[in-house]
């Protein structure tokens, strides 16, 4: 209960964008009752590029390293350590459904589509 209230309070008072995104991620992936609802409600308030950042962090990503660079490192006797970013978990179905609704609403309203 406290975490839900803290997330809602931080949404109104907080200034760090990444913290807002992490609250949404934590709440959306939580198994506690009501957390997903709050997380998805906060997700709807984000602009599209931040929704993308939330989804990317949940899915995780590795930076691209070309084969040419890998060969160059091998010649130097070094190995490439793949940096991993994100959680590398599946996006919950509830979030996928909410994002589909979010995009349909944005696309139907020309003023909101560009924001």
PDB file of N, CA and C in Angstrom:
ATOM      1  N   UNK A   1       0.824  -1.190   0.000  1.00  0.00           N
ATOM      2  CA  UNK A   1       0.000   0.000   0.000  1.00  0.00           C
ATOM      3  C   UNK A   1       0.871   1.259   0.000  1.00  0.00           C
ATOM      4  N   UNK A   2       1.915   1.230   0.815  1.00  0.00           N
ATOM      5  CA  UNK A   2       2.788   2.395   0.902  1.00  0.00           C
ATOM      6  C   UNK A   2       3.470   2.674  -0.439  1.00  0.00           C
ATOM      7  N   UNK A   3       3.890   1.609  -1.121  1.00  0.00           N
ATOM      8  CA  UNK A   3       4.605   1.778  -2.387  1.00  0.00           C
ATOM      9  C   UNK A   3       3.713   2.428  -3.437  1.00  0.00           C
ATOM     10  N   UNK A   4       2.430   2.055  -3.450  1.00  0.00           N
ATOM     11  CA  UNK A   4       1.485   2.659  -4.390  1.00  0.00           C
ATOM     12  C   UNK A   4       1.357   4.154  -4.114  1.00  0.00           C
ATOM     13  N   UNK A   5       1.226   4.494  -2.839  1.00  0.00           N
ATOM     14  CA  UNK A   5       1.081   5.901  -2.463  1.00  0.00           C
ATOM     15  C   UNK A   5       2.352   6.683  -2.767  1.00  0.00           C
ATOM     16  N   UNK A   6       3.490   6.066  -2.500  1.00  0.00           N
ATOM     17  CA  UNK A   6       4.767   6.715  -2.784  1.00  0.00           C
ATOM     18  C   UNK A   6       4.923   6.972  -4.281  1.00  0.00           C
ATOM     19  N   UNK A   7       4.544   6.006  -5.098  1.00  0.00           N
ATOM     20  CA  UNK A   7       4.642   6.169  -6.552  1.00  0.00           C
ATOM     21  C   UNK A   7       3.731   7.290  -7.036  1.00  0.00           C
ATOM     22  N   UNK A   8       2.513   7.338  -6.525  1.00  0.00           N
ATOM     23  CA  UNK A   8       1.579   8.400  -6.922  1.00  0.00           C
ATOM     24  C   UNK A   8       2.080   9.759  -6.465  1.00  0.00           C
ATOM     25  N   UNK A   9       2.612   9.817  -5.233  1.00  0.00           N
ATOM     26  CA  UNK A   9       3.143  11.083  -4.726  1.00  0.00           C
ATOM     27  C   UNK A   9       4.330  11.529  -5.582  1.00  0.00           C
ATOM     28  N   UNK A  10       5.234  10.594  -5.894  1.00  0.00           N
ATOM     29  CA  UNK A  10       6.417  10.954  -6.666  1.00  0.00           C
ATOM     30  C   UNK A  10       6.043  11.396  -8.071  1.00  0.00           C
ATOM     31  N   UNK A  11       4.982  10.833  -8.607  1.00  0.00           N
ATOM     32  CA  UNK A  11       4.546  11.244  -9.941  1.00  0.00           C
ATOM     33  C   UNK A  11       4.210  12.731  -9.944  1.00  0.00           C
ATOM     34  N   UNK A  12       3.562  13.198  -8.881  1.00  0.00           N
ATOM     35  CA  UNK A  12       3.170  14.605  -8.782  1.00  0.00           C
ATOM     36  C   UNK A  12       4.323  15.505  -8.366  1.00  0.00           C
ATOM     37  N   UNK A  13       5.151  15.056  -7.447  1.00  0.00           N
ATOM     38  CA  UNK A  13       6.178  15.911  -6.844  1.00  0.00           C
ATOM     39  C   UNK A  13       7.590  15.648  -7.353  1.00  0.00           C
ATOM     40  N   UNK A  14       7.854  14.458  -7.835  1.00  0.00           N
ATOM     41  CA  UNK A  14       9.211  14.091  -8.231  1.00  0.00           C
ATOM     42  C   UNK A  14       9.633  14.745  -9.535  1.00  0.00           C
ATOM     43  N   UNK A  15      10.937  14.857  -9.711  1.00  0.00           N
ATOM     44  CA  UNK A  15      11.467  15.541 -10.889  1.00  0.00           C
ATOM     45  C   UNK A  15      12.342  14.653 -11.775  1.00  0.00           C
ATOM     46  N   UNK A  16      12.749  13.509 -11.297  1.00  0.00           N
ATOM     47  CA  UNK A  16      13.665  12.663 -12.054  1.00  0.00           C
ATOM     48  C   UNK A  16      12.861  11.683 -12.912  1.00  0.00           C
ATOM     49  N   UNK A  17      12.985  11.812 -14.218  1.00  0.00           N
ATOM     50  CA  UNK A  17      12.227  10.996 -15.164  1.00  0.00           C
ATOM     51  C   UNK A  17      12.496   9.508 -14.976  1.00  0.00           C
ATOM     52  N   UNK A  18      13.753   9.133 -14.785  1.00  0.00           N
ATOM     53  CA  UNK A  18      14.102   7.720 -14.642  1.00  0.00           C
ATOM     54  C   UNK A  18      13.440   7.094 -13.416  1.00  0.00           C
ATOM     55  N   UNK A  19      13.304   7.860 -12.346  1.00  0.00           N
ATOM     56  CA  UNK A  19      12.643   7.334 -11.150  1.00  0.00           C
ATOM     57  C   UNK A  19      11.174   7.051 -11.436  1.00  0.00           C
ATOM     58  N   UNK A  20      10.538   7.936 -12.169  1.00  0.00           N
ATOM     59  CA  UNK A  20       9.132   7.726 -12.526  1.00  0.00           C
ATOM     60  C   UNK A  20       8.987   6.458 -13.360  1.00  0.00           C
ATOM     61  N   UNK A  21       9.883   6.263 -14.296  1.00  0.00           N
ATOM     62  CA  UNK A  21       9.841   5.063 -15.135  1.00  0.00           C
ATOM     63  C   UNK A  21      10.057   3.806 -14.297  1.00  0.00           C
ATOM     64  N   UNK A  22      10.975   3.868 -13.337  1.00  0.00           N
ATOM     65  CA  UNK A  22      11.239   2.691 -12.506  1.00  0.00           C
ATOM     66  C   UNK A  22      10.056   2.366 -11.602  1.00  0.00           C
ATOM     67  N   UNK A  23       9.358   3.379 -11.100  1.00  0.00           N
ATOM     68  CA  UNK A  23       8.144   3.115 -10.327  1.00  0.00           C
ATOM     69  C   UNK A  23       7.136   2.361 -11.188  1.00  0.00           C
ATOM     70  N   UNK A  24       6.969   2.798 -12.422  1.00  0.00           N
ATOM     71  CA  UNK A  24       6.024   2.140 -13.329  1.00  0.00           C
ATOM     72  C   UNK A  24       6.447   0.697 -13.580  1.00  0.00           C
ATOM     73  N   UNK A  25       7.725   0.480 -13.811  1.00  0.00           N
ATOM     74  CA  UNK A  25       8.227  -0.874 -14.066  1.00  0.00           C
ATOM     75  C   UNK A  25       8.007  -1.766 -12.849  1.00  0.00           C
ATOM     76  N   UNK A  26       8.400  -1.280 -11.672  1.00  0.00           N
ATOM     77  CA  UNK A  26       8.245  -2.083 -10.456  1.00  0.00           C
ATOM     78  C   UNK A  26       6.788  -2.414 -10.178  1.00  0.00           C
ATOM     79  N   UNK A  27       5.919  -1.425 -10.306  1.00  0.00           N
ATOM     80  CA  UNK A  27       4.502  -1.659 -10.032  1.00  0.00           C
ATOM     81  C   UNK A  27       3.882  -2.586 -11.075  1.00  0.00           C
ATOM     82  N   UNK A  28       4.255  -2.421 -12.328  1.00  0.00           N
ATOM     83  CA  UNK A  28       3.663  -3.229 -13.399  1.00  0.00           C
ATOM     84  C   UNK A  28       4.092  -4.691 -13.341  1.00  0.00           C
ATOM     85  N   UNK A  29       5.250  -4.957 -12.790  1.00  0.00           N
ATOM     86  CA  UNK A  29       5.741  -6.329 -12.688  1.00  0.00           C
ATOM     87  C   UNK A  29       5.408  -6.981 -11.345  1.00  0.00           C
ATOM     88  N   UNK A  30       4.831  -6.213 -10.440  1.00  0.00           N
ATOM     89  CA  UNK A  30       4.541  -6.704  -9.092  1.00  0.00           C
ATOM     90  C   UNK A  30       3.372  -7.688  -9.080  1.00  0.00           C
ATOM     91  N   UNK A  31       3.410  -8.602  -8.120  1.00  0.00           N
ATOM     92  CA  UNK A  31       2.314  -9.552  -7.927  1.00  0.00           C
ATOM     93  C   UNK A  31       1.334  -9.091  -6.849  1.00  0.00           C
ATOM     94  N   UNK A  32       1.644  -8.003  -6.156  1.00  0.00           N
ATOM     95  CA  UNK A  32       0.759  -7.522  -5.099  1.00  0.00           C
ATOM     96  C   UNK A  32      -0.507  -6.918  -5.683  1.00  0.00           C
ATOM     97  N   UNK A  33      -1.595  -7.095  -4.959  1.00  0.00           N
ATOM     98  CA  UNK A  33      -2.900  -6.619  -5.416  1.00  0.00           C
ATOM     99  C   UNK A  33      -2.893  -5.098  -5.576  1.00  0.00           C
ATOM    100  N   UNK A  34      -3.332  -4.639  -6.710  1.00  0.00           N
ATOM    101  CA  UNK A  34      -3.457  -3.213  -6.964  1.00  0.00           C
ATOM    102  C   UNK A  34      -2.220  -2.542  -7.531  1.00  0.00           C
ATOM    103  N   UNK A  35      -1.061  -3.170  -7.394  1.00  0.00           N
ATOM    104  CA  UNK A  35       0.161  -2.539  -7.897  1.00  0.00           C
ATOM    105  C   UNK A  35       0.126  -2.377  -9.413  1.00  0.00           C
ATOM    106  N   UNK A  36      -0.300  -3.421 -10.118  1.00  0.00           N
ATOM    107  CA  UNK A  36      -0.324  -3.341 -11.586  1.00  0.00           C
ATOM    108  C   UNK A  36      -1.274  -2.254 -12.061  1.00  0.00           C
ATOM    109  N   UNK A  37      -2.413  -2.126 -11.394  1.00  0.00           N
ATOM    110  CA  UNK A  37      -3.378  -1.097 -11.791  1.00  0.00           C
ATOM    111  C   UNK A  37      -2.770   0.297 -11.695  1.00  0.00           C
ATOM    112  N   UNK A  38      -2.071   0.563 -10.599  1.00  0.00           N
ATOM    113  CA  UNK A  38      -1.432   1.869 -10.416  1.00  0.00           C
ATOM    114  C   UNK A  38      -0.320   2.053 -11.446  1.00  0.00           C
ATOM    115  N   UNK A  39       0.497   1.032 -11.643  1.00  0.00           N
ATOM    116  CA  UNK A  39       1.587   1.115 -12.618  1.00  0.00           C
ATOM    117  C   UNK A  39       1.087   1.392 -14.025  1.00  0.00           C
ATOM    118  N   UNK A  40       0.008   0.724 -14.418  1.00  0.00           N
ATOM    119  CA  UNK A  40      -0.536   0.916 -15.761  1.00  0.00           C
ATOM    120  C   UNK A  40      -1.218   2.275 -15.896  1.00  0.00           C
ATOM    121  N   UNK A  41      -1.827   2.751 -14.810  1.00  0.00           N
ATOM    122  CA  UNK A  41      -2.440   4.086 -14.846  1.00  0.00           C
ATOM    123  C   UNK A  41      -1.359   5.156 -15.017  1.00  0.00           C
ATOM    124  N   UNK A  42      -0.232   4.980 -14.343  1.00  0.00           N
ATOM    125  CA  UNK A  42       0.868   5.934 -14.491  1.00  0.00           C
ATOM    126  C   UNK A  42       1.494   5.831 -15.882  1.00  0.00           C
ATOM    127  N   UNK A  43       1.534   4.629 -16.432  1.00  0.00           N
ATOM    128  CA  UNK A  43       2.086   4.425 -17.774  1.00  0.00           C
ATOM    129  C   UNK A  43       1.331   5.256 -18.807  1.00  0.00           C
ATOM    130  N   UNK A  44       0.026   5.357 -18.653  1.00  0.00           N
ATOM    131  CA  UNK A  44      -0.809   6.096 -19.608  1.00  0.00           C
ATOM    132  C   UNK A  44      -0.478   7.588 -19.625  1.00  0.00           C
ATOM    133  N   UNK A  45       0.148   8.083 -18.564  1.00  0.00           N
ATOM    134  CA  UNK A  45       0.474   9.513 -18.483  1.00  0.00           C
ATOM    135  C   UNK A  45       1.787   9.856 -19.191  1.00  0.00           C
ATOM    136  N   UNK A  46       2.547   8.834 -19.548  1.00  0.00           N
ATOM    137  CA  UNK A  46       3.851   9.070 -20.178  1.00  0.00           C
ATOM    138  C   UNK A  46       3.700   9.436 -21.648  1.00  0.00           C
ATOM    139  N   UNK A  47       4.654  10.219 -22.174  1.00  0.00           N
ATOM    140  CA  UNK A  47       4.707  10.412 -23.626  1.00  0.00           C
ATOM    141  C   UNK A  47       5.211   9.123 -24.286  1.00  0.00           C
ATOM    142  N   UNK A  48       4.948   8.955 -25.578  1.00  0.00           N
ATOM    143  CA  UNK A  48       5.297   7.695 -26.258  1.00  0.00           C
ATOM    144  C   UNK A  48       6.766   7.282 -26.144  1.00  0.00           C
ATOM    145  N   UNK A  49       7.691   8.219 -26.197  1.00  0.00           N
ATOM    146  CA  UNK A  49       9.099   7.821 -26.148  1.00  0.00           C
ATOM    147  C   UNK A  49       9.459   7.241 -24.780  1.00  0.00           C
ATOM    148  N   UNK A  50       8.790   7.689 -23.713  1.00  0.00           N
ATOM    149  CA  UNK A  50       9.063   7.125 -22.391  1.00  0.00           C
ATOM    150  C   UNK A  50       8.405   5.757 -22.219  1.00  0.00           C
ATOM    151  N   UNK A  51       7.256   5.554 -22.858  1.00  0.00           N
ATOM    152  CA  UNK A  51       6.640   4.221 -22.852  1.00  0.00           C
ATOM    153  C   UNK A  51       7.606   3.239 -23.504  1.00  0.00           C
ATOM    154  N   UNK A  52       8.223   3.661 -24.581  1.00  0.00           N
ATOM    155  CA  UNK A  52       9.214   2.819 -25.265  1.00  0.00           C
ATOM    156  C   UNK A  52      10.390   2.495 -24.345  1.00  0.00           C
ATOM    157  N   UNK A  53      10.847   3.475 -23.584  1.00  0.00           N
ATOM    158  CA  UNK A  53      11.955   3.255 -22.652  1.00  0.00           C
ATOM    159  C   UNK A  53      11.578   2.236 -21.574  1.00  0.00           C
ATOM    160  N   UNK A  54      10.333   2.319 -21.086  1.00  0.00           N
ATOM    161  CA  UNK A  54       9.854   1.379 -20.073  1.00  0.00           C
ATOM    162  C   UNK A  54       9.857  -0.039 -20.639  1.00  0.00           C
ATOM    163  N   UNK A  55       9.296  -0.206 -21.827  1.00  0.00           N
ATOM    164  CA  UNK A  55       9.232  -1.534 -22.447  1.00  0.00           C
ATOM    165  C   UNK A  55      10.642  -2.054 -22.737  1.00  0.00           C
ATOM    166  N   UNK A  56      11.510  -1.198 -23.246  1.00  0.00           N
ATOM    167  CA  UNK A  56      12.885  -1.619 -23.539  1.00  0.00           C
ATOM    168  C   UNK A  56      13.612  -2.075 -22.277  1.00  0.00           C
ATOM    169  N   UNK A  57      13.390  -1.379 -21.163  1.00  0.00           N
ATOM    170  CA  UNK A  57      14.070  -1.765 -19.929  1.00  0.00           C
ATOM    171  C   UNK A  57      13.559  -3.109 -19.426  1.00  0.00           C
ATOM    172  N   UNK A  58      12.268  -3.343 -19.543  1.00  0.00           N
ATOM    173  CA  UNK A  58      11.719  -4.631 -19.110  1.00  0.00           C
ATOM    174  C   UNK A  58      12.278  -5.757 -19.976  1.00  0.00           C
ATOM    175  N   UNK A  59      12.284  -5.564 -21.294  1.00  0.00           N
ATOM    176  CA  UNK A  59      12.763  -6.605 -22.207  1.00  0.00           C
ATOM    177  C   UNK A  59      14.277  -6.766 -22.154  1.00  0.00           C
ATOM    178  N   UNK A  60      14.999  -5.689 -21.876  1.00  0.00           N
ATOM    179  CA  UNK A  60      16.446  -5.721 -21.824  1.00  0.00           C
ATOM    180  C   UNK A  60      17.068  -5.605 -23.205  1.00  0.00           C
ATOM    181  N   UNK A  61      18.337  -5.212 -23.255  1.00  0.00           N
ATOM    182  CA  UNK A  61      19.033  -5.096 -24.530  1.00  0.00           C
ATOM    183  C   UNK A  61      20.545  -5.176 -24.307  1.00  0.00           C
ATOM    184  N   UNK A  62      21.222  -5.540 -25.369  1.00  0.00           N
ATOM    185  CA  UNK A  62      22.685  -5.570 -25.383  1.00  0.00           C
ATOM    186  C   UNK A  62      23.138  -4.653 -26.507  1.00  0.00           C
ATOM    187  N   UNK A  63      24.199  -3.890 -26.296  1.00  0.00           N
ATOM    188  CA  UNK A  63      24.698  -3.045 -27.381  1.00  0.00           C
ATOM    189  C   UNK A  63      25.212  -3.899 -28.541  1.00  0.00           C
ATOM    190  N   UNK A  64      25.032  -3.414 -29.743  1.00  0.00           N
ATOM    191  CA  UNK A  64      25.470  -4.129 -30.938  1.00  0.00           C
ATOM    192  C   UNK A  64      26.980  -3.990 -31.097  1.00  0.00           C
ATOM    193  N   UNK A  65      27.642  -5.107 -31.335  1.00  0.00           N
ATOM    194  CA  UNK A  65      29.073  -5.119 -31.645  1.00  0.00           C
ATOM    195  C   UNK A  65      29.226  -5.845 -32.970  1.00  0.00           C
ATOM    196  N   UNK A  66      29.808  -5.156 -33.941  1.00  0.00           N
ATOM    197  CA  UNK A  66      29.935  -5.737 -35.280  1.00  0.00           C
ATOM    198  C   UNK A  66      30.932  -6.897 -35.277  1.00  0.00           C
ATOM    199  N   UNK A  67      30.778  -7.744 -36.268  1.00  0.00           N
ATOM    200  CA  UNK A  67      31.696  -8.878 -36.426  1.00  0.00           C
ATOM    201  C   UNK A  67      33.120  -8.380 -36.664  1.00  0.00           C
ATOM    202  N   UNK A  68      33.239  -7.279 -37.382  1.00  0.00           N
ATOM    203  CA  UNK A  68      34.555  -6.707 -37.665  1.00  0.00           C
ATOM    204  C   UNK A  68      35.250  -6.314 -36.358  1.00  0.00           C
ATOM    205  N   UNK A  69      34.494  -5.697 -35.447  1.00  0.00           N
ATOM    206  CA  UNK A  69      35.053  -5.287 -34.157  1.00  0.00           C
ATOM    207  C   UNK A  69      35.420  -6.510 -33.314  1.00  0.00           C
ATOM    208  N   UNK A  70      34.591  -7.547 -33.355  1.00  0.00           N
ATOM    209  CA  UNK A  70      34.889  -8.776 -32.611  1.00  0.00           C
ATOM    210  C   UNK A  70      36.177  -9.416 -33.117  1.00  0.00           C
ATOM    211  N   UNK A  71      36.364  -9.426 -34.449  1.00  0.00           N
ATOM    212  CA  UNK A  71      37.590  -9.979 -35.033  1.00  0.00           C
ATOM    213  C   UNK A  71      38.801  -9.152 -34.626  1.00  0.00           C
ATOM    214  N   UNK A  72      38.630  -7.838 -34.609  1.00  0.00           N
ATOM    215  CA  UNK A  72      39.720  -6.948 -34.221  1.00  0.00           C
ATOM    216  C   UNK A  72      40.121  -7.211 -32.765  1.00  0.00           C
ATOM    217  N   UNK A  73      39.155  -7.374 -31.899  1.00  0.00           N
ATOM    218  CA  UNK A  73      39.449  -7.670 -30.497  1.00  0.00           C
ATOM    219  C   UNK A  73      40.130  -9.027 -30.353  1.00  0.00           C
ATOM    220  N   UNK A  74      39.696 -10.000 -31.154  1.00  0.00           N
ATOM    221  CA  UNK A  74      40.293 -11.340 -31.097  1.00  0.00           C
ATOM    222  C   UNK A  74      41.766 -11.296 -31.504  1.00  0.00           C
ATOM    223  N   UNK A  75      42.096 -10.492 -32.520  1.00  0.00           N
ATOM    224  CA  UNK A  75      43.490 -10.362 -32.956  1.00  0.00           C
ATOM    225  C   UNK A  75      44.350  -9.747 -31.865  1.00  0.00           C
ATOM    226  N   UNK A  76      43.742  -8.843 -31.078  1.00  0.00           N
ATOM    227  CA  UNK A  76      44.471  -8.194 -29.995  1.00  0.00           C
ATOM    228  C   UNK A  76      44.531  -9.072 -28.745  1.00  0.00           C
ATOM    229  N   UNK A  77      43.903 -10.228 -28.811  1.00  0.00           N
ATOM    230  CA  UNK A  77      43.906 -11.132 -27.666  1.00  0.00           C
ATOM    231  C   UNK A  77      42.905 -10.747 -26.591  1.00  0.00           C
ATOM    232  N   UNK A  78      41.959  -9.938 -26.942  1.00  0.00           N
ATOM    233  CA  UNK A  78      40.942  -9.497 -25.985  1.00  0.00           C
ATOM    234  C   UNK A  78      39.615 -10.155 -26.333  1.00  0.00           C
ATOM    235  N   UNK A  79      38.762 -10.233 -25.368  1.00  0.00           N
ATOM    236  CA  UNK A  79      37.412 -10.741 -25.618  1.00  0.00           C
ATOM    237  C   UNK A  79      36.419  -9.618 -25.368  1.00  0.00           C
ATOM    238  N   UNK A  80      35.333  -9.700 -26.078  1.00  0.00           N
ATOM    239  CA  UNK A  80      34.290  -8.688 -25.912  1.00  0.00           C
ATOM    240  C   UNK A  80      33.359  -9.104 -24.790  1.00  0.00           C
ATOM    241  N   UNK A  81      33.240  -8.253 -23.801  1.00  0.00           N
ATOM    242  CA  UNK A  81      32.301  -8.502 -22.713  1.00  0.00           C
ATOM    243  C   UNK A  81      31.002  -7.785 -23.065  1.00  0.00           C
ATOM    244  N   UNK A  82      29.952  -8.539 -23.251  1.00  0.00           N
ATOM    245  CA  UNK A  82      28.663  -7.956 -23.642  1.00  0.00           C
ATOM    246  C   UNK A  82      28.022  -7.282 -22.438  1.00  0.00           C
ATOM    247  N   UNK A  83      27.813  -5.988 -22.551  1.00  0.00           N
ATOM    248  CA  UNK A  83      27.101  -5.259 -21.511  1.00  0.00           C
ATOM    249  C   UNK A  83      25.619  -5.553 -21.651  1.00  0.00           C
ATOM    250  N   UNK A  84      24.991  -5.841 -20.544  1.00  0.00           N
ATOM    251  CA  UNK A  84      23.553  -6.084 -20.560  1.00  0.00           C
ATOM    252  C   UNK A  84      22.863  -4.960 -19.801  1.00  0.00           C
ATOM    253  N   UNK A  85      21.771  -4.503 -20.359  1.00  0.00           N
ATOM    254  CA  UNK A  85      20.989  -3.444 -19.733  1.00  0.00           C
ATOM    255  C   UNK A  85      19.548  -3.915 -19.639  1.00  0.00           C
ATOM    256  N   UNK A  86      18.930  -3.703 -18.516  1.00  0.00           N
ATOM    257  CA  UNK A  86      17.521  -4.052 -18.381  1.00  0.00           C
ATOM    258  C   UNK A  86      17.296  -5.315 -17.575  1.00  0.00           C
ATOM    259  N   UNK A  87      16.043  -5.755 -17.571  1.00  0.00           N
ATOM    260  CA  UNK A  87      15.634  -6.882 -16.736  1.00  0.00           C
ATOM    261  C   UNK A  87      15.608  -8.217 -17.465  1.00  0.00           C
ATOM    262  N   UNK A  88      15.470  -8.215 -18.776  1.00  0.00           N
ATOM    263  CA  UNK A  88      15.390  -9.432 -19.591  1.00  0.00           C
ATOM    264  C   UNK A  88      14.260 -10.354 -19.124  1.00  0.00           C
ATOM    265  N   UNK A  89      13.075  -9.771 -18.942  1.00  0.00           N
ATOM    266  CA  UNK A  89      11.870 -10.545 -18.634  1.00  0.00           C
ATOM    267  C   UNK A  89      10.807 -10.204 -19.669  1.00  0.00           C
ATOM    268  N   UNK A  90       9.775 -11.024 -19.737  1.00  0.00           N
ATOM    269  CA  UNK A  90       8.688 -10.764 -20.675  1.00  0.00           C
ATOM    270  C   UNK A  90       7.810  -9.620 -20.184  1.00  0.00           C
ATOM    271  N   UNK A  91       7.318  -8.843 -21.123  1.00  0.00           N
ATOM    272  CA  UNK A  91       6.386  -7.768 -20.794  1.00  0.00           C
ATOM    273  C   UNK A  91       5.056  -8.420 -20.420  1.00  0.00           C
ATOM    274  N   UNK A  92       4.479  -8.054 -19.260  1.00  0.00           N
ATOM    275  CA  UNK A  92       3.216  -8.673 -18.852  1.00  0.00           C
ATOM    276  C   UNK A  92       2.101  -8.400 -19.862  1.00  0.00           C
ATOM    277  N   UNK A  93       1.198  -9.352 -19.995  1.00  0.00           N
ATOM    278  CA  UNK A  93       0.076  -9.205 -20.929  1.00  0.00           C
ATOM    279  C   UNK A  93      -0.755  -7.968 -20.599  1.00  0.00           C
ATOM    280  N   UNK A  94      -0.934  -7.686 -19.313  1.00  0.00           N
ATOM    281  CA  UNK A  94      -1.718  -6.511 -18.930  1.00  0.00           C
ATOM    282  C   UNK A  94      -1.071  -5.234 -19.460  1.00  0.00           C
ATOM    283  N   UNK A  95       0.257  -5.184 -19.464  1.00  0.00           N
ATOM    284  CA  UNK A  95       0.949  -4.006 -19.978  1.00  0.00           C
ATOM    285  C   UNK A  95       0.832  -3.937 -21.499  1.00  0.00           C
ATOM    286  N   UNK A  96       0.932  -5.073 -22.172  1.00  0.00           N
ATOM    287  CA  UNK A  96       0.778  -5.070 -23.632  1.00  0.00           C
ATOM    288  C   UNK A  96      -0.610  -4.581 -24.026  1.00  0.00           C
ATOM    289  N   UNK A  97      -1.629  -5.043 -23.303  1.00  0.00           N
ATOM    290  CA  UNK A  97      -3.001  -4.613 -23.576  1.00  0.00           C
ATOM    291  C   UNK A  97      -3.149  -3.119 -23.332  1.00  0.00           C
ATOM    292  N   UNK A  98      -2.579  -2.639 -22.238  1.00  0.00           N
ATOM    293  CA  UNK A  98      -2.676  -1.215 -21.899  1.00  0.00           C
ATOM    294  C   UNK A  98      -1.946  -0.357 -22.926  1.00  0.00           C
ATOM    295  N   UNK A  99      -0.816  -0.813 -23.408  1.00  0.00           N
ATOM    296  CA  UNK A  99      -0.071  -0.059 -24.422  1.00  0.00           C
ATOM    297  C   UNK A  99      -0.852  -0.018 -25.727  1.00  0.00           C
ATOM    298  N   UNK A 100      -1.513  -1.108 -26.087  1.00  0.00           N
ATOM    299  CA  UNK A 100      -2.342  -1.119 -27.304  1.00  0.00           C
ATOM    300  C   UNK A 100      -3.476  -0.103 -27.180  1.00  0.00           C
ATOM    301  N   UNK A 101      -4.116  -0.059 -26.016  1.00  0.00           N
ATOM    302  CA  UNK A 101      -5.174   0.947 -25.784  1.00  0.00           C
ATOM    303  C   UNK A 101      -4.607   2.358 -25.862  1.00  0.00           C
ATOM    304  N   UNK A 102      -3.472   2.542 -25.217  1.00  0.00           N
ATOM    305  CA  UNK A 102      -2.800   3.839 -25.178  1.00  0.00           C
ATOM    306  C   UNK A 102      -2.514   4.332 -26.603  1.00  0.00           C
ATOM    307  N   UNK A 103      -1.968   3.446 -27.435  1.00  0.00           N
ATOM    308  CA  UNK A 103      -1.630   3.837 -28.807  1.00  0.00           C
ATOM    309  C   UNK A 103      -2.875   4.117 -29.639  1.00  0.00           C
ATOM    310  N   UNK A 104      -3.931   3.316 -29.451  1.00  0.00           N
ATOM    311  CA  UNK A 104      -5.183   3.578 -30.175  1.00  0.00           C
ATOM    312  C   UNK A 104      -5.748   4.942 -29.808  1.00  0.00           C
ATOM    313  N   UNK A 105      -5.724   5.282 -28.517  1.00  0.00           N
ATOM    314  CA  UNK A 105      -6.216   6.595 -28.088  1.00  0.00           C
ATOM    315  C   UNK A 105      -5.366   7.715 -28.679  1.00  0.00           C
ATOM    316  N   UNK A 106      -4.061   7.544 -28.640  1.00  0.00           N
ATOM    317  CA  UNK A 106      -3.163   8.569 -29.193  1.00  0.00           C
ATOM    318  C   UNK A 106      -3.393   8.756 -30.686  1.00  0.00           C
ATOM    319  N   UNK A 107      -3.551   7.665 -31.406  1.00  0.00           N
ATOM    320  CA  UNK A 107      -3.728   7.746 -32.855  1.00  0.00           C
ATOM    321  C   UNK A 107      -5.070   8.341 -33.239  1.00  0.00           C
ATOM    322  N   UNK A 108      -6.077   8.179 -32.399  1.00  0.00           N
ATOM    323  CA  UNK A 108      -7.403   8.712 -32.724  1.00  0.00           C
ATOM    324  C   UNK A 108      -7.502  10.212 -32.474  1.00  0.00           C
ATOM    325  N   UNK A 109      -6.610  10.767 -31.656  1.00  0.00           N
ATOM    326  CA  UNK A 109      -6.633  12.193 -31.333  1.00  0.00           C
ATOM    327  C   UNK A 109      -5.409  12.858 -31.968  1.00  0.00           C
ATOM    328  N   UNK A 110      -5.639  13.659 -33.011  1.00  0.00           N
ATOM    329  CA  UNK A 110      -4.528  14.275 -33.746  1.00  0.00           C
ATOM    330  C   UNK A 110      -3.676  15.189 -32.871  1.00  0.00           C
ATOM    331  N   UNK A 111      -4.273  15.873 -31.903  1.00  0.00           N
ATOM    332  CA  UNK A 111      -3.510  16.771 -31.040  1.00  0.00           C
ATOM    333  C   UNK A 111      -2.552  16.002 -30.132  1.00  0.00           C
ATOM    334  N   UNK A 112      -2.978  14.870 -29.617  1.00  0.00           N
ATOM    335  CA  UNK A 112      -2.141  14.077 -28.715  1.00  0.00           C
ATOM    336  C   UNK A 112      -1.126  13.224 -29.465  1.00  0.00           C
ATOM    337  N   UNK A 113      -1.376  12.943 -30.724  1.00  0.00           N
ATOM    338  CA  UNK A 113      -0.492  12.070 -31.490  1.00  0.00           C
ATOM    339  C   UNK A 113       0.913  12.653 -31.591  1.00  0.00           C
ATOM    340  N   UNK A 114       1.014  13.945 -31.751  1.00  0.00           N
ATOM    341  CA  UNK A 114       2.315  14.582 -31.934  1.00  0.00           C
ATOM    342  C   UNK A 114       3.018  14.919 -30.632  1.00  0.00           C
ATOM    343  N   UNK A 115       2.346  14.806 -29.494  1.00  0.00           N
ATOM    344  CA  UNK A 115       2.979  15.209 -28.231  1.00  0.00           C
ATOM    345  C   UNK A 115       3.775  14.099 -27.612  1.00  0.00           C
TER     346      UNK A 115
END
